[in-house]
């Protein structure tokens, strides 16, 4: 009877070690997935920020140039702001298709790697 009790106790100890190991492995896999997703998003966001700064400065230059062509500086800025208003309206109506869906697919793809 004692051998059976010892075997059962040994089995429970092994089960406990297995559960702890499985839990630690799951935590490490989750950590790895989180790190991959965050680093991917950070790298893409830094590129987007750099491009945005370029576009911002470029638009100021275009607005000044258009203003000089039209005779008043403010006209160039009005034209550029109207252009961005139109872009904003288009993005508002097509946001899900063009931005949300690809970003969510990227996150899911990275999480399932």
PDB file of N, CA and C in Angstrom:
ATOM      1  N   UNK A   1       0.813  -1.184   0.000  1.00  0.00           N
ATOM      2  CA  UNK A   1       0.000   0.000   0.000  1.00  0.00           C
ATOM      3  C   UNK A   1       0.865   1.260   0.000  1.00  0.00           C
ATOM      4  N   UNK A   2       1.993   1.192   0.715  1.00  0.00           N
ATOM      5  CA  UNK A   2       2.867   2.363   0.776  1.00  0.00           C
ATOM      6  C   UNK A   2       3.492   2.654  -0.580  1.00  0.00           C
ATOM      7  N   UNK A   3       3.828   1.612  -1.332  1.00  0.00           N
ATOM      8  CA  UNK A   3       4.409   1.828  -2.657  1.00  0.00           C
ATOM      9  C   UNK A   3       3.402   2.501  -3.570  1.00  0.00           C
ATOM     10  N   UNK A   4       2.166   2.105  -3.440  1.00  0.00           N
ATOM     11  CA  UNK A   4       1.128   2.720  -4.254  1.00  0.00           C
ATOM     12  C   UNK A   4       0.944   4.192  -3.837  1.00  0.00           C
ATOM     13  N   UNK A   5       1.005   4.476  -2.563  1.00  0.00           N
ATOM     14  CA  UNK A   5       0.885   5.849  -2.069  1.00  0.00           C
ATOM     15  C   UNK A   5       2.086   6.675  -2.524  1.00  0.00           C
ATOM     16  N   UNK A   6       3.283   6.068  -2.458  1.00  0.00           N
ATOM     17  CA  UNK A   6       4.480   6.781  -2.924  1.00  0.00           C
ATOM     18  C   UNK A   6       4.415   7.044  -4.426  1.00  0.00           C
ATOM     19  N   UNK A   7       3.914   6.067  -5.181  1.00  0.00           N
ATOM     20  CA  UNK A   7       3.789   6.239  -6.629  1.00  0.00           C
ATOM     21  C   UNK A   7       2.787   7.339  -6.950  1.00  0.00           C
ATOM     22  N   UNK A   8       1.686   7.356  -6.206  1.00  0.00           N
ATOM     23  CA  UNK A   8       0.675   8.377  -6.403  1.00  0.00           C
ATOM     24  C   UNK A   8       1.223   9.762  -6.037  1.00  0.00           C
ATOM     25  N   UNK A   9       1.969   9.812  -4.939  1.00  0.00           N
ATOM     26  CA  UNK A   9       2.576  11.072  -4.516  1.00  0.00           C
ATOM     27  C   UNK A   9       3.596  11.545  -5.556  1.00  0.00           C
ATOM     28  N   UNK A  10       4.371  10.633  -6.088  1.00  0.00           N
ATOM     29  CA  UNK A  10       5.349  10.966  -7.124  1.00  0.00           C
ATOM     30  C   UNK A  10       4.642  11.466  -8.381  1.00  0.00           C
ATOM     31  N   UNK A  11       3.532  10.845  -8.711  1.00  0.00           N
ATOM     32  CA  UNK A  11       2.759  11.260  -9.870  1.00  0.00           C
ATOM     33  C   UNK A  11       2.236  12.685  -9.691  1.00  0.00           C
ATOM     34  N   UNK A  12       1.726  13.001  -8.497  1.00  0.00           N
ATOM     35  CA  UNK A  12       1.239  14.356  -8.232  1.00  0.00           C
ATOM     36  C   UNK A  12       2.368  15.379  -8.263  1.00  0.00           C
ATOM     37  N   UNK A  13       3.549  15.005  -7.768  1.00  0.00           N
ATOM     38  CA  UNK A  13       4.690  15.918  -7.822  1.00  0.00           C
ATOM     39  C   UNK A  13       5.090  16.196  -9.275  1.00  0.00           C
ATOM     40  N   UNK A  14       5.098  15.161 -10.105  1.00  0.00           N
ATOM     41  CA  UNK A  14       5.424  15.337 -11.510  1.00  0.00           C
ATOM     42  C   UNK A  14       4.365  16.195 -12.213  1.00  0.00           C
ATOM     43  N   UNK A  15       3.109  15.967 -11.857  1.00  0.00           N
ATOM     44  CA  UNK A  15       2.026  16.756 -12.429  1.00  0.00           C
ATOM     45  C   UNK A  15       2.180  18.221 -12.053  1.00  0.00           C
ATOM     46  N   UNK A  16       2.540  18.470 -10.803  1.00  0.00           N
ATOM     47  CA  UNK A  16       2.742  19.837 -10.344  1.00  0.00           C
ATOM     48  C   UNK A  16       3.893  20.506 -11.103  1.00  0.00           C
ATOM     49  N   UNK A  17       4.987  19.801 -11.294  1.00  0.00           N
ATOM     50  CA  UNK A  17       6.126  20.327 -12.040  1.00  0.00           C
ATOM     51  C   UNK A  17       5.727  20.585 -13.494  1.00  0.00           C
ATOM     52  N   UNK A  18       4.963  19.660 -14.080  1.00  0.00           N
ATOM     53  CA  UNK A  18       4.500  19.815 -15.463  1.00  0.00           C
ATOM     54  C   UNK A  18       3.624  21.053 -15.613  1.00  0.00           C
ATOM     55  N   UNK A  19       2.709  21.255 -14.680  1.00  0.00           N
ATOM     56  CA  UNK A  19       1.810  22.410 -14.741  1.00  0.00           C
ATOM     57  C   UNK A  19       2.601  23.713 -14.599  1.00  0.00           C
ATOM     58  N   UNK A  20       3.548  23.745 -13.660  1.00  0.00           N
ATOM     59  CA  UNK A  20       4.362  24.950 -13.486  1.00  0.00           C
ATOM     60  C   UNK A  20       5.198  25.235 -14.730  1.00  0.00           C
ATOM     61  N   UNK A  21       5.771  24.210 -15.320  1.00  0.00           N
ATOM     62  CA  UNK A  21       6.580  24.378 -16.526  1.00  0.00           C
ATOM     63  C   UNK A  21       5.722  24.859 -17.695  1.00  0.00           C
ATOM     64  N   UNK A  22       4.545  24.275 -17.851  1.00  0.00           N
ATOM     65  CA  UNK A  22       3.635  24.679 -18.916  1.00  0.00           C
ATOM     66  C   UNK A  22       3.213  26.135 -18.743  1.00  0.00           C
ATOM     67  N   UNK A  23       2.946  26.521 -17.511  1.00  0.00           N
ATOM     68  CA  UNK A  23       2.561  27.904 -17.227  1.00  0.00           C
ATOM     69  C   UNK A  23       3.704  28.868 -17.561  1.00  0.00           C
ATOM     70  N   UNK A  24       4.925  28.527 -17.162  1.00  0.00           N
ATOM     71  CA  UNK A  24       6.074  29.372 -17.459  1.00  0.00           C
ATOM     72  C   UNK A  24       6.314  29.467 -18.964  1.00  0.00           C
ATOM     73  N   UNK A  25       6.151  28.356 -19.669  1.00  0.00           N
ATOM     74  CA  UNK A  25       6.311  28.354 -21.121  1.00  0.00           C
ATOM     75  C   UNK A  25       5.262  29.232 -21.788  1.00  0.00           C
ATOM     76  N   UNK A  26       4.047  29.164 -21.306  1.00  0.00           N
ATOM     77  CA  UNK A  26       2.973  30.010 -21.853  1.00  0.00           C
ATOM     78  C   UNK A  26       3.272  31.488 -21.617  1.00  0.00           C
ATOM     79  N   UNK A  27       3.776  31.821 -20.437  1.00  0.00           N
ATOM     80  CA  UNK A  27       4.133  33.208 -20.144  1.00  0.00           C
ATOM     81  C   UNK A  27       5.240  33.695 -21.072  1.00  0.00           C
ATOM     82  N   UNK A  28       6.240  32.857 -21.308  1.00  0.00           N
ATOM     83  CA  UNK A  28       7.341  33.239 -22.187  1.00  0.00           C
ATOM     84  C   UNK A  28       6.887  33.392 -23.634  1.00  0.00           C
ATOM     85  N   UNK A  29       5.994  32.520 -24.090  1.00  0.00           N
ATOM     86  CA  UNK A  29       5.461  32.651 -25.456  1.00  0.00           C
ATOM     87  C   UNK A  29       4.650  33.931 -25.596  1.00  0.00           C
ATOM     88  N   UNK A  30       3.841  34.249 -24.594  1.00  0.00           N
ATOM     89  CA  UNK A  30       3.063  35.483 -24.616  1.00  0.00           C
ATOM     90  C   UNK A  30       3.981  36.704 -24.623  1.00  0.00           C
ATOM     91  N   UNK A  31       5.035  36.652 -23.824  1.00  0.00           N
ATOM     92  CA  UNK A  31       6.000  37.749 -23.777  1.00  0.00           C
ATOM     93  C   UNK A  31       6.673  37.927 -25.136  1.00  0.00           C
ATOM     94  N   UNK A  32       7.068  36.831 -25.761  1.00  0.00           N
ATOM     95  CA  UNK A  32       7.711  36.912 -27.069  1.00  0.00           C
ATOM     96  C   UNK A  32       6.761  37.514 -28.112  1.00  0.00           C
ATOM     97  N   UNK A  33       5.527  37.061 -28.112  1.00  0.00           N
ATOM     98  CA  UNK A  33       4.538  37.576 -29.058  1.00  0.00           C
ATOM     99  C   UNK A  33       4.305  39.065 -28.833  1.00  0.00           C
ATOM    100  N   UNK A  34       4.200  39.470 -27.583  1.00  0.00           N
ATOM    101  CA  UNK A  34       3.994  40.888 -27.259  1.00  0.00           C
ATOM    102  C   UNK A  34       5.172  41.728 -27.726  1.00  0.00           C
ATOM    103  N   UNK A  35       6.378  41.238 -27.498  1.00  0.00           N
ATOM    104  CA  UNK A  35       7.577  41.976 -27.902  1.00  0.00           C
ATOM    105  C   UNK A  35       7.636  42.121 -29.419  1.00  0.00           C
ATOM    106  N   UNK A  36       7.315  41.059 -30.143  1.00  0.00           N
ATOM    107  CA  UNK A  36       7.333  41.121 -31.607  1.00  0.00           C
ATOM    108  C   UNK A  36       6.314  42.146 -32.109  1.00  0.00           C
ATOM    109  N   UNK A  37       5.122  42.128 -31.545  1.00  0.00           N
ATOM    110  CA  UNK A  37       4.077  43.062 -31.977  1.00  0.00           C
ATOM    111  C   UNK A  37       4.473  44.498 -31.663  1.00  0.00           C
ATOM    112  N   UNK A  38       4.947  44.747 -30.462  1.00  0.00           N
ATOM    113  CA  UNK A  38       5.301  46.111 -30.054  1.00  0.00           C
ATOM    114  C   UNK A  38       6.474  46.642 -30.877  1.00  0.00           C
ATOM    115  N   UNK A  39       7.513  45.823 -31.077  1.00  0.00           N
ATOM    116  CA  UNK A  39       8.659  46.306 -31.852  1.00  0.00           C
ATOM    117  C   UNK A  39       8.281  46.551 -33.314  1.00  0.00           C
ATOM    118  N   UNK A  40       7.413  45.723 -33.869  1.00  0.00           N
ATOM    119  CA  UNK A  40       6.957  45.945 -35.238  1.00  0.00           C
ATOM    120  C   UNK A  40       6.195  47.262 -35.339  1.00  0.00           C
ATOM    121  N   UNK A  41       5.293  47.494 -34.384  1.00  0.00           N
ATOM    122  CA  UNK A  41       4.521  48.735 -34.400  1.00  0.00           C
ATOM    123  C   UNK A  41       5.406  49.958 -34.185  1.00  0.00           C
ATOM    124  N   UNK A  42       6.382  49.855 -33.295  1.00  0.00           N
ATOM    125  CA  UNK A  42       7.272  50.985 -33.030  1.00  0.00           C
ATOM    126  C   UNK A  42       8.110  51.304 -34.268  1.00  0.00           C
ATOM    127  N   UNK A  43       8.631  50.276 -34.921  1.00  0.00           N
ATOM    128  CA  UNK A  43       9.454  50.539 -36.102  1.00  0.00           C
ATOM    129  C   UNK A  43       8.622  51.157 -37.225  1.00  0.00           C
ATOM    130  N   UNK A  44       7.419  50.672 -37.407  1.00  0.00           N
ATOM    131  CA  UNK A  44       6.565  51.244 -38.451  1.00  0.00           C
ATOM    132  C   UNK A  44       6.120  52.655 -38.085  1.00  0.00           C
ATOM    133  N   UNK A  45       5.844  52.891 -36.816  1.00  0.00           N
ATOM    134  CA  UNK A  45       5.431  54.229 -36.395  1.00  0.00           C
ATOM    135  C   UNK A  45       6.573  55.234 -36.567  1.00  0.00           C
ATOM    136  N   UNK A  46       7.816  54.826 -36.320  1.00  0.00           N
ATOM    137  CA  UNK A  46       8.935  55.757 -36.496  1.00  0.00           C
ATOM    138  C   UNK A  46       9.095  56.139 -37.968  1.00  0.00           C
ATOM    139  N   UNK A  47       8.879  55.195 -38.866  1.00  0.00           N
ATOM    140  CA  UNK A  47       8.931  55.511 -40.295  1.00  0.00           C
ATOM    141  C   UNK A  47       7.786  56.452 -40.660  1.00  0.00           C
ATOM    142  N   UNK A  48       6.604  56.186 -40.128  1.00  0.00           N
ATOM    143  CA  UNK A  48       5.446  57.037 -40.404  1.00  0.00           C
ATOM    144  C   UNK A  48       5.676  58.451 -39.880  1.00  0.00           C
ATOM    145  N   UNK A  49       6.279  58.586 -38.715  1.00  0.00           N
ATOM    146  CA  UNK A  49       6.564  59.913 -38.152  1.00  0.00           C
ATOM    147  C   UNK A  49       7.571  60.661 -39.021  1.00  0.00           C
ATOM    148  N   UNK A  50       8.614  59.973 -39.478  1.00  0.00           N
ATOM    149  CA  UNK A  50       9.612  60.619 -40.337  1.00  0.00           C
ATOM    150  C   UNK A  50       8.981  61.083 -41.645  1.00  0.00           C
ATOM    151  N   UNK A  51       8.161  60.248 -42.241  1.00  0.00           N
ATOM    152  CA  UNK A  51       7.488  60.624 -43.489  1.00  0.00           C
ATOM    153  C   UNK A  51       6.519  61.774 -43.243  1.00  0.00           C
ATOM    154  N   UNK A  52       5.828  61.741 -42.111  1.00  0.00           N
ATOM    155  CA  UNK A  52       4.886  62.818 -41.780  1.00  0.00           C
ATOM    156  C   UNK A  52       5.595  64.163 -41.632  1.00  0.00           C
ATOM    157  N   UNK A  53       6.753  64.160 -40.985  1.00  0.00           N
ATOM    158  CA  UNK A  53       7.516  65.404 -40.854  1.00  0.00           C
ATOM    159  C   UNK A  53       7.946  65.928 -42.219  1.00  0.00           C
ATOM    160  N   UNK A  54       8.376  65.023 -43.094  1.00  0.00           N
ATOM    161  CA  UNK A  54       8.743  65.431 -44.444  1.00  0.00           C
ATOM    162  C   UNK A  54       7.543  66.052 -45.162  1.00  0.00           C
ATOM    163  N   UNK A  55       6.406  65.386 -45.092  1.00  0.00           N
ATOM    164  CA  UNK A  55       5.202  65.875 -45.767  1.00  0.00           C
ATOM    165  C   UNK A  55       4.783  67.229 -45.192  1.00  0.00           C
ATOM    166  N   UNK A  56       4.892  67.394 -43.886  1.00  0.00           N
ATOM    167  CA  UNK A  56       4.528  68.654 -43.241  1.00  0.00           C
ATOM    168  C   UNK A  56       5.373  69.814 -43.776  1.00  0.00           C
ATOM    169  N   UNK A  57       6.680  69.635 -43.766  1.00  0.00           N
ATOM    170  CA  UNK A  57       7.570  70.696 -44.227  1.00  0.00           C
ATOM    171  C   UNK A  57       7.385  70.935 -45.733  1.00  0.00           C
ATOM    172  N   UNK A  58       7.209  69.859 -46.479  1.00  0.00           N
ATOM    173  CA  UNK A  58       6.988  69.963 -47.919  1.00  0.00           C
ATOM    174  C   UNK A  58       5.707  70.747 -48.207  1.00  0.00           C
ATOM    175  N   UNK A  59       4.655  70.501 -47.430  1.00  0.00           N
ATOM    176  CA  UNK A  59       3.384  71.213 -47.624  1.00  0.00           C
ATOM    177  C   UNK A  59       3.505  72.694 -47.302  1.00  0.00           C
ATOM    178  N   UNK A  60       4.296  73.011 -46.316  1.00  0.00           N
ATOM    179  CA  UNK A  60       4.526  74.431 -46.022  1.00  0.00           C
ATOM    180  C   UNK A  60       5.214  75.089 -47.218  1.00  0.00           C
ATOM    181  N   UNK A  61       6.187  74.408 -47.787  1.00  0.00           N
ATOM    182  CA  UNK A  61       6.867  74.936 -48.963  1.00  0.00           C
ATOM    183  C   UNK A  61       5.917  75.105 -50.138  1.00  0.00           C
ATOM    184  N   UNK A  62       5.066  74.124 -50.368  1.00  0.00           N
ATOM    185  CA  UNK A  62       4.092  74.222 -51.464  1.00  0.00           C
ATOM    186  C   UNK A  62       3.117  75.367 -51.206  1.00  0.00           C
ATOM    187  N   UNK A  63       2.672  75.512 -49.970  1.00  0.00           N
ATOM    188  CA  UNK A  63       1.728  76.586 -49.645  1.00  0.00           C
ATOM    189  C   UNK A  63       2.366  77.952 -49.886  1.00  0.00           C
ATOM    190  N   UNK A  64       3.612  78.112 -49.499  1.00  0.00           N
ATOM    191  CA  UNK A  64       4.299  79.391 -49.728  1.00  0.00           C
ATOM    192  C   UNK A  64       4.459  79.635 -51.229  1.00  0.00           C
ATOM    193  N   UNK A  65       4.843  78.604 -51.957  1.00  0.00           N
ATOM    194  CA  UNK A  65       5.017  78.737 -53.412  1.00  0.00           C
ATOM    195  C   UNK A  65       3.695  79.110 -54.092  1.00  0.00           C
ATOM    196  N   UNK A  66       2.608  78.402 -53.733  1.00  0.00           N
ATOM    197  CA  UNK A  66       1.299  78.718 -54.310  1.00  0.00           C
ATOM    198  C   UNK A  66       0.861  80.134 -53.938  1.00  0.00           C
ATOM    199  N   UNK A  67       1.163  80.516 -52.705  1.00  0.00           N
ATOM    200  CA  UNK A  67       0.826  81.873 -52.266  1.00  0.00           C
ATOM    201  C   UNK A  67       1.532  82.931 -53.081  1.00  0.00           C
ATOM    202  N   UNK A  68       2.807  82.674 -53.398  1.00  0.00           N
ATOM    203  CA  UNK A  68       3.546  83.631 -54.227  1.00  0.00           C
ATOM    204  C   UNK A  68       2.975  83.682 -55.644  1.00  0.00           C
ATOM    205  N   UNK A  69       2.575  82.521 -56.173  1.00  0.00           N
ATOM    206  CA  UNK A  69       1.995  82.489 -57.518  1.00  0.00           C
ATOM    207  C   UNK A  69       0.655  83.212 -57.581  1.00  0.00           C
ATOM    208  N   UNK A  70      -0.148  83.081 -56.517  1.00  0.00           N
ATOM    209  CA  UNK A  70      -1.485  83.666 -56.500  1.00  0.00           C
ATOM    210  C   UNK A  70      -1.497  85.113 -55.998  1.00  0.00           C
ATOM    211  N   UNK A  71      -0.387  85.601 -55.491  1.00  0.00           N
ATOM    212  CA  UNK A  71      -0.316  87.000 -55.071  1.00  0.00           C
ATOM    213  C   UNK A  71      -0.510  87.213 -53.582  1.00  0.00           C
ATOM    214  N   UNK A  72      -1.104  86.277 -52.882  1.00  0.00           N
ATOM    215  CA  UNK A  72      -1.270  86.393 -51.423  1.00  0.00           C
ATOM    216  C   UNK A  72      -0.860  85.075 -50.781  1.00  0.00           C
ATOM    217  N   UNK A  73      -0.056  85.183 -49.755  1.00  0.00           N
ATOM    218  CA  UNK A  73       0.460  83.993 -49.081  1.00  0.00           C
ATOM    219  C   UNK A  73      -0.664  83.127 -48.514  1.00  0.00           C
ATOM    220  N   UNK A  74      -1.701  83.759 -48.006  1.00  0.00           N
ATOM    221  CA  UNK A  74      -2.778  83.003 -47.368  1.00  0.00           C
ATOM    222  C   UNK A  74      -3.520  82.104 -48.353  1.00  0.00           C
ATOM    223  N   UNK A  75      -3.576  82.474 -49.622  1.00  0.00           N
ATOM    224  CA  UNK A  75      -4.276  81.643 -50.613  1.00  0.00           C
ATOM    225  C   UNK A  75      -3.616  80.269 -50.748  1.00  0.00           C
ATOM    226  N   UNK A  76      -2.320  80.245 -50.715  1.00  0.00           N
ATOM    227  CA  UNK A  76      -1.607  78.966 -50.796  1.00  0.00           C
ATOM    228  C   UNK A  76      -1.951  78.070 -49.630  1.00  0.00           C
ATOM    229  N   UNK A  77      -2.011  78.645 -48.423  1.00  0.00           N
ATOM    230  CA  UNK A  77      -2.358  77.852 -47.244  1.00  0.00           C
ATOM    231  C   UNK A  77      -3.815  77.413 -47.283  1.00  0.00           C
ATOM    232  N   UNK A  78      -4.686  78.246 -47.807  1.00  0.00           N
ATOM    233  CA  UNK A  78      -6.096  77.859 -47.956  1.00  0.00           C
ATOM    234  C   UNK A  78      -6.243  76.677 -48.913  1.00  0.00           C
ATOM    235  N   UNK A  79      -5.512  76.718 -50.017  1.00  0.00           N
ATOM    236  CA  UNK A  79      -5.583  75.624 -50.993  1.00  0.00           C
ATOM    237  C   UNK A  79      -5.072  74.321 -50.371  1.00  0.00           C
ATOM    238  N   UNK A  80      -3.956  74.382 -49.674  1.00  0.00           N
ATOM    239  CA  UNK A  80      -3.396  73.175 -49.038  1.00  0.00           C
ATOM    240  C   UNK A  80      -4.339  72.648 -47.965  1.00  0.00           C
ATOM    241  N   UNK A  81      -4.939  73.549 -47.172  1.00  0.00           N
ATOM    242  CA  UNK A  81      -5.864  73.080 -46.127  1.00  0.00           C
ATOM    243  C   UNK A  81      -7.127  72.484 -46.734  1.00  0.00           C
ATOM    244  N   UNK A  82      -7.601  73.030 -47.852  1.00  0.00           N
ATOM    245  CA  UNK A  82      -8.773  72.452 -48.530  1.00  0.00           C
ATOM    246  C   UNK A  82      -8.438  71.061 -49.064  1.00  0.00           C
ATOM    247  N   UNK A  83      -7.222  70.904 -49.588  1.00  0.00           N
ATOM    248  CA  UNK A  83      -6.769  69.590 -50.051  1.00  0.00           C
ATOM    249  C   UNK A  83      -6.810  68.576 -48.912  1.00  0.00           C
ATOM    250  N   UNK A  84      -6.311  68.969 -47.742  1.00  0.00           N
ATOM    251  CA  UNK A  84      -6.315  68.051 -46.595  1.00  0.00           C
ATOM    252  C   UNK A  84      -7.723  67.817 -46.047  1.00  0.00           C
ATOM    253  N   UNK A  85      -8.594  68.781 -46.192  1.00  0.00           N
ATOM    254  CA  UNK A  85      -9.992  68.569 -45.805  1.00  0.00           C
ATOM    255  C   UNK A  85     -10.614  67.470 -46.667  1.00  0.00           C
ATOM    256  N   UNK A  86     -10.361  67.529 -47.960  1.00  0.00           N
ATOM    257  CA  UNK A  86     -10.883  66.504 -48.874  1.00  0.00           C
ATOM    258  C   UNK A  86     -10.289  65.140 -48.530  1.00  0.00           C
ATOM    259  N   UNK A  87      -8.978  65.095 -48.285  1.00  0.00           N
ATOM    260  CA  UNK A  87      -8.317  63.835 -47.891  1.00  0.00           C
ATOM    261  C   UNK A  87      -8.931  63.308 -46.595  1.00  0.00           C
ATOM    262  N   UNK A  88      -9.175  64.198 -45.635  1.00  0.00           N
ATOM    263  CA  UNK A  88      -9.770  63.789 -44.359  1.00  0.00           C
ATOM    264  C   UNK A  88     -11.164  63.203 -44.533  1.00  0.00           C
ATOM    265  N   UNK A  89     -11.960  63.804 -45.384  1.00  0.00           N
ATOM    266  CA  UNK A  89     -13.315  63.284 -45.629  1.00  0.00           C
ATOM    267  C   UNK A  89     -13.247  61.913 -46.289  1.00  0.00           C
ATOM    268  N   UNK A  90     -12.359  61.755 -47.256  1.00  0.00           N
ATOM    269  CA  UNK A  90     -12.197  60.446 -47.911  1.00  0.00           C
ATOM    270  C   UNK A  90     -11.748  59.390 -46.897  1.00  0.00           C
ATOM    271  N   UNK A  91     -10.771  59.724 -46.068  1.00  0.00           N
ATOM    272  CA  UNK A  91     -10.297  58.770 -45.052  1.00  0.00           C
ATOM    273  C   UNK A  91     -11.397  58.420 -44.055  1.00  0.00           C
ATOM    274  N   UNK A  92     -12.226  59.396 -43.724  1.00  0.00           N
ATOM    275  CA  UNK A  92     -13.309  59.136 -42.779  1.00  0.00           C
ATOM    276  C   UNK A  92     -14.252  58.059 -43.305  1.00  0.00           C
ATOM    277  N   UNK A  93     -14.571  58.112 -44.573  1.00  0.00           N
ATOM    278  CA  UNK A  93     -15.518  57.154 -45.127  1.00  0.00           C
ATOM    279  C   UNK A  93     -14.886  55.810 -45.475  1.00  0.00           C
ATOM    280  N   UNK A  94     -13.592  55.792 -45.756  1.00  0.00           N
ATOM    281  CA  UNK A  94     -12.932  54.548 -46.138  1.00  0.00           C
ATOM    282  C   UNK A  94     -11.918  54.075 -45.110  1.00  0.00           C
ATOM    283  N   UNK A  95     -11.995  54.602 -43.891  1.00  0.00           N
ATOM    284  CA  UNK A  95     -11.019  54.290 -42.848  1.00  0.00           C
ATOM    285  C   UNK A  95     -10.928  52.798 -42.568  1.00  0.00           C
ATOM    286  N   UNK A  96     -12.060  52.145 -42.489  1.00  0.00           N
ATOM    287  CA  UNK A  96     -12.058  50.725 -42.136  1.00  0.00           C
ATOM    288  C   UNK A  96     -11.314  49.893 -43.171  1.00  0.00           C
ATOM    289  N   UNK A  97     -11.559  50.151 -44.428  1.00  0.00           N
ATOM    290  CA  UNK A  97     -10.934  49.350 -45.487  1.00  0.00           C
ATOM    291  C   UNK A  97      -9.442  49.644 -45.623  1.00  0.00           C
ATOM    292  N   UNK A  98      -9.068  50.890 -45.559  1.00  0.00           N
ATOM    293  CA  UNK A  98      -7.702  51.284 -45.886  1.00  0.00           C
ATOM    294  C   UNK A  98      -6.746  51.280 -44.705  1.00  0.00           C
ATOM    295  N   UNK A  99      -7.258  51.472 -43.481  1.00  0.00           N
ATOM    296  CA  UNK A  99      -6.349  51.602 -42.341  1.00  0.00           C
ATOM    297  C   UNK A  99      -6.619  50.542 -41.278  1.00  0.00           C
ATOM    298  N   UNK A 100      -7.829  50.485 -40.762  1.00  0.00           N
ATOM    299  CA  UNK A 100      -8.119  49.574 -39.654  1.00  0.00           C
ATOM    300  C   UNK A 100      -7.875  48.121 -40.014  1.00  0.00           C
ATOM    301  N   UNK A 101      -8.404  47.696 -41.141  1.00  0.00           N
ATOM    302  CA  UNK A 101      -8.290  46.289 -41.519  1.00  0.00           C
ATOM    303  C   UNK A 101      -6.835  45.851 -41.713  1.00  0.00           C
ATOM    304  N   UNK A 102      -6.008  46.581 -42.487  1.00  0.00           N
ATOM    305  CA  UNK A 102      -4.614  46.148 -42.624  1.00  0.00           C
ATOM    306  C   UNK A 102      -3.841  46.154 -41.308  1.00  0.00           C
ATOM    307  N   UNK A 103      -4.097  47.144 -40.441  1.00  0.00           N
ATOM    308  CA  UNK A 103      -3.392  47.198 -39.159  1.00  0.00           C
ATOM    309  C   UNK A 103      -3.800  46.031 -38.277  1.00  0.00           C
ATOM    310  N   UNK A 104      -5.107  45.730 -38.218  1.00  0.00           N
ATOM    311  CA  UNK A 104      -5.527  44.590 -37.394  1.00  0.00           C
ATOM    312  C   UNK A 104      -5.008  43.277 -37.953  1.00  0.00           C
ATOM    313  N   UNK A 105      -4.960  43.156 -39.281  1.00  0.00           N
ATOM    314  CA  UNK A 105      -4.413  41.935 -39.875  1.00  0.00           C
ATOM    315  C   UNK A 105      -2.927  41.799 -39.572  1.00  0.00           C
ATOM    316  N   UNK A 106      -2.200  42.924 -39.555  1.00  0.00           N
ATOM    317  CA  UNK A 106      -0.779  42.891 -39.206  1.00  0.00           C
ATOM    318  C   UNK A 106      -0.578  42.410 -37.777  1.00  0.00           C
ATOM    319  N   UNK A 107      -1.379  42.937 -36.858  1.00  0.00           N
ATOM    320  CA  UNK A 107      -1.250  42.549 -35.451  1.00  0.00           C
ATOM    321  C   UNK A 107      -1.588  41.071 -35.284  1.00  0.00           C
ATOM    322  N   UNK A 108      -2.647  40.615 -35.918  1.00  0.00           N
ATOM    323  CA  UNK A 108      -3.033  39.199 -35.804  1.00  0.00           C
ATOM    324  C   UNK A 108      -1.960  38.315 -36.422  1.00  0.00           C
ATOM    325  N   UNK A 109      -1.422  38.719 -37.572  1.00  0.00           N
ATOM    326  CA  UNK A 109      -0.378  37.937 -38.238  1.00  0.00           C
ATOM    327  C   UNK A 109       0.856  37.816 -37.356  1.00  0.00           C
ATOM    328  N   UNK A 110       1.246  38.928 -36.726  1.00  0.00           N
ATOM    329  CA  UNK A 110       2.407  38.902 -35.839  1.00  0.00           C
ATOM    330  C   UNK A 110       2.140  38.067 -34.590  1.00  0.00           C
ATOM    331  N   UNK A 111       0.908  38.108 -34.095  1.00  0.00           N
ATOM    332  CA  UNK A 111       0.578  37.359 -32.879  1.00  0.00           C
ATOM    333  C   UNK A 111       0.547  35.858 -33.144  1.00  0.00           C
ATOM    334  N   UNK A 112       0.185  35.457 -34.339  1.00  0.00           N
ATOM    335  CA  UNK A 112       0.079  34.031 -34.632  1.00  0.00           C
ATOM    336  C   UNK A 112       1.369  33.426 -35.180  1.00  0.00           C
ATOM    337  N   UNK A 113       2.421  34.230 -35.332  1.00  0.00           N
ATOM    338  CA  UNK A 113       3.699  33.710 -35.813  1.00  0.00           C
ATOM    339  C   UNK A 113       4.271  32.687 -34.877  1.00  0.00           C
TER     340      UNK A 113
END
